[in-house]
Amino acid sequence: MHEMSIALAVIEEVEEAAQRAGDVTAVRSVRLEVGELAGVVPDALSFSFEVASAGTVMEGADLVVDTLPGRARCGPCAHEWAVGMPPLLSCPRCDGATAELLSGRELRIADVRWESGTTPAATREPILEER
């Protein structure tokens, strides 16, 4: 189950951001953007996040997973389409087999909400570092 390693990486990134911000008393929510082709099972990720965050500043935080659709573009005819699951990687317009994936493999922290000693529920901008 690689969802546990993803949860641990997310927790590490958010904890580092909270330390840089200083005076963070609790993380209330983390929103992830996960592509439908990333191979992540949202329920397994939520469970792993809950287990791994116990005893940290993130304990009890809500994990919100936004699923991003997979999209592809055909090399020969430039048609774009939603690839779906399982992914349709040949062009539905010309049957070309040289598709380029445009989206669907994303895995990033989009938003973090936390409380500090002075400001409740501050919003943190997306963490740009990706691992």
Protein backbone atom coordinates (compact mmCIF):
# COMPACT_ATOMS: atom_id res chain seq x y z
CA MET A 1 0.00 0.00 0.00
CA HIS A 2 1.89 3.05 -1.26
CA GLU A 3 -0.83 5.34 0.13
CA MET A 4 0.95 5.20 3.50
CA SER A 5 4.17 6.54 1.98
CA ILE A 6 2.16 9.29 0.26
CA ALA A 7 0.45 10.18 3.56
CA LEU A 8 3.82 10.32 5.33
CA ALA A 9 5.27 12.58 2.62
CA VAL A 10 2.25 14.92 2.83
CA ILE A 11 2.55 15.08 6.62
CA GLU A 12 6.27 15.83 6.37
CA GLU A 13 5.71 18.65 3.86
CA VAL A 14 2.90 20.24 5.88
CA GLU A 15 4.85 19.97 9.15
CA GLU A 16 7.83 21.71 7.50
CA ALA A 17 5.56 24.49 6.20
CA ALA A 18 3.98 24.86 9.64
CA GLN A 19 7.42 25.14 11.25
CA ARG A 20 8.44 27.83 8.74
CA ALA A 21 5.22 29.75 9.48
CA GLY A 22 5.84 29.52 13.23
CA ASP A 23 3.26 29.50 16.02
CA VAL A 24 1.03 26.89 14.32
CA THR A 25 -0.99 25.14 17.00
CA ALA A 26 -3.04 22.76 14.84
CA VAL A 27 -3.63 21.82 11.22
CA ARG A 28 -7.36 21.73 10.48
CA SER A 29 -7.42 20.49 6.88
CA VAL A 30 -5.24 19.47 3.97
CA ARG A 31 -6.56 19.47 0.40
CA LEU A 32 -4.81 17.29 -2.17
CA GLU A 33 -5.23 17.24 -5.93
CA VAL A 34 -4.85 13.66 -7.17
CA GLY A 35 -5.05 12.66 -10.81
CA GLU A 36 -7.30 9.71 -11.62
CA LEU A 37 -4.32 8.00 -13.28
CA ALA A 38 -2.00 8.47 -10.27
CA GLY A 39 -2.83 5.02 -8.91
CA VAL A 40 -4.01 6.34 -5.54
CA VAL A 41 -7.00 4.84 -3.72
CA PRO A 42 -8.63 7.80 -1.89
CA ASP A 43 -10.08 5.70 0.97
CA ALA A 44 -6.73 4.03 1.59
CA LEU A 45 -5.00 7.43 1.53
CA SER A 46 -7.51 8.87 4.03
CA PHE A 47 -7.04 5.91 6.36
CA SER A 48 -3.25 6.13 6.08
CA PHE A 49 -3.34 9.88 6.72
CA GLU A 50 -5.45 9.41 9.84
CA VAL A 51 -3.12 6.73 11.23
CA ALA A 52 0.12 8.53 10.34
CA SER A 53 -0.96 11.93 11.66
CA ALA A 54 -1.72 10.62 15.19
CA GLY A 55 0.42 12.43 17.73
CA THR A 56 1.38 15.24 15.34
CA VAL A 57 0.15 18.81 14.90
CA MET A 58 -2.01 17.33 12.13
CA GLU A 59 -3.91 14.87 14.32
CA GLY A 60 -7.63 15.18 13.61
CA ALA A 61 -7.11 17.23 10.43
CA ASP A 62 -9.53 16.65 7.56
CA LEU A 63 -7.99 15.26 4.39
CA VAL A 64 -9.87 16.42 1.28
CA VAL A 65 -8.96 14.65 -1.96
CA ASP A 66 -9.95 16.36 -5.22
CA THR A 67 -9.74 13.92 -8.12
CA LEU A 68 -8.52 15.45 -11.37
CA PRO A 69 -9.59 13.78 -14.62
CA GLY A 70 -7.09 12.31 -17.03
CA ARG A 71 -6.91 14.04 -20.41
CA ALA A 72 -4.93 13.23 -23.53
CA ARG A 73 -4.17 14.83 -26.91
CA CYS A 74 -3.65 13.01 -30.19
CA GLY A 75 -0.38 13.77 -31.95
CA PRO A 76 -1.67 13.40 -35.53
CA CYS A 77 -5.05 15.20 -35.28
CA ALA A 78 -4.65 17.28 -32.04
CA HIS A 79 -8.01 16.04 -30.67
CA GLU A 80 -8.25 16.17 -26.83
CA TRP A 81 -10.38 13.79 -24.74
CA ALA A 82 -11.00 12.52 -21.21
CA VAL A 83 -9.19 9.18 -20.98
CA GLY A 84 -11.32 7.73 -18.16
CA MET A 85 -10.59 4.54 -16.23
CA PRO A 86 -9.35 2.24 -17.53
CA PRO A 87 -7.63 4.83 -19.72
CA LEU A 88 -8.47 5.08 -23.42
CA LEU A 89 -5.12 6.06 -24.90
CA SER A 90 -5.95 5.73 -28.59
CA CYS A 91 -7.63 8.69 -30.22
CA PRO A 92 -11.42 8.31 -30.40
CA ARG A 93 -11.50 10.57 -33.47
CA CYS A 94 -8.76 9.11 -35.74
CA ASP A 95 -7.73 5.97 -33.81
CA GLY A 96 -4.16 7.33 -33.63
CA ALA A 97 -1.95 5.65 -31.06
CA THR A 98 0.42 8.52 -30.32
CA ALA A 99 -1.47 10.22 -27.50
CA GLU A 100 0.18 12.61 -25.06
CA LEU A 101 -1.16 12.60 -21.50
CA LEU A 102 -2.01 16.16 -20.51
CA SER A 103 -3.34 15.52 -17.01
CA GLY A 104 -4.37 12.82 -14.61
CA ARG A 105 -1.06 11.94 -12.96
CA GLU A 106 -1.00 14.88 -10.53
CA LEU A 107 -0.36 14.46 -6.83
CA ARG A 108 0.05 17.77 -5.02
CA ILE A 109 -0.88 19.64 -1.88
CA ALA A 110 -3.31 22.34 -2.99
CA ASP A 111 -4.28 23.95 0.31
CA VAL A 112 -3.63 23.72 4.05
CA ARG A 113 -5.69 25.36 6.79
CA TRP A 114 -4.25 25.71 10.26
CA GLU A 115 -4.58 27.59 13.49
CA SER A 116 -1.85 29.66 15.04
CA GLY A 117 -1.60 31.07 18.52
CA THR A 118 -2.98 34.39 17.27
CA THR A 119 -5.07 33.65 14.15
CA PRO A 120 -7.60 30.81 13.96
CA ALA A 121 -7.86 28.81 10.73
CA ALA A 122 -5.24 30.65 8.66
CA THR A 123 -5.04 29.55 5.04
CA ARG A 124 -1.71 28.49 3.64
CA GLU A 125 -0.95 28.92 -0.05
CA PRO A 126 -0.25 25.72 -2.00
CA ILE A 127 3.12 24.17 -1.25
CA LEU A 128 5.02 24.40 -4.52
CA GLU A 129 7.59 21.73 -3.72
CA GLU A 130 6.63 18.34 -5.08
CA ARG A 131 8.35 15.10 -4.21
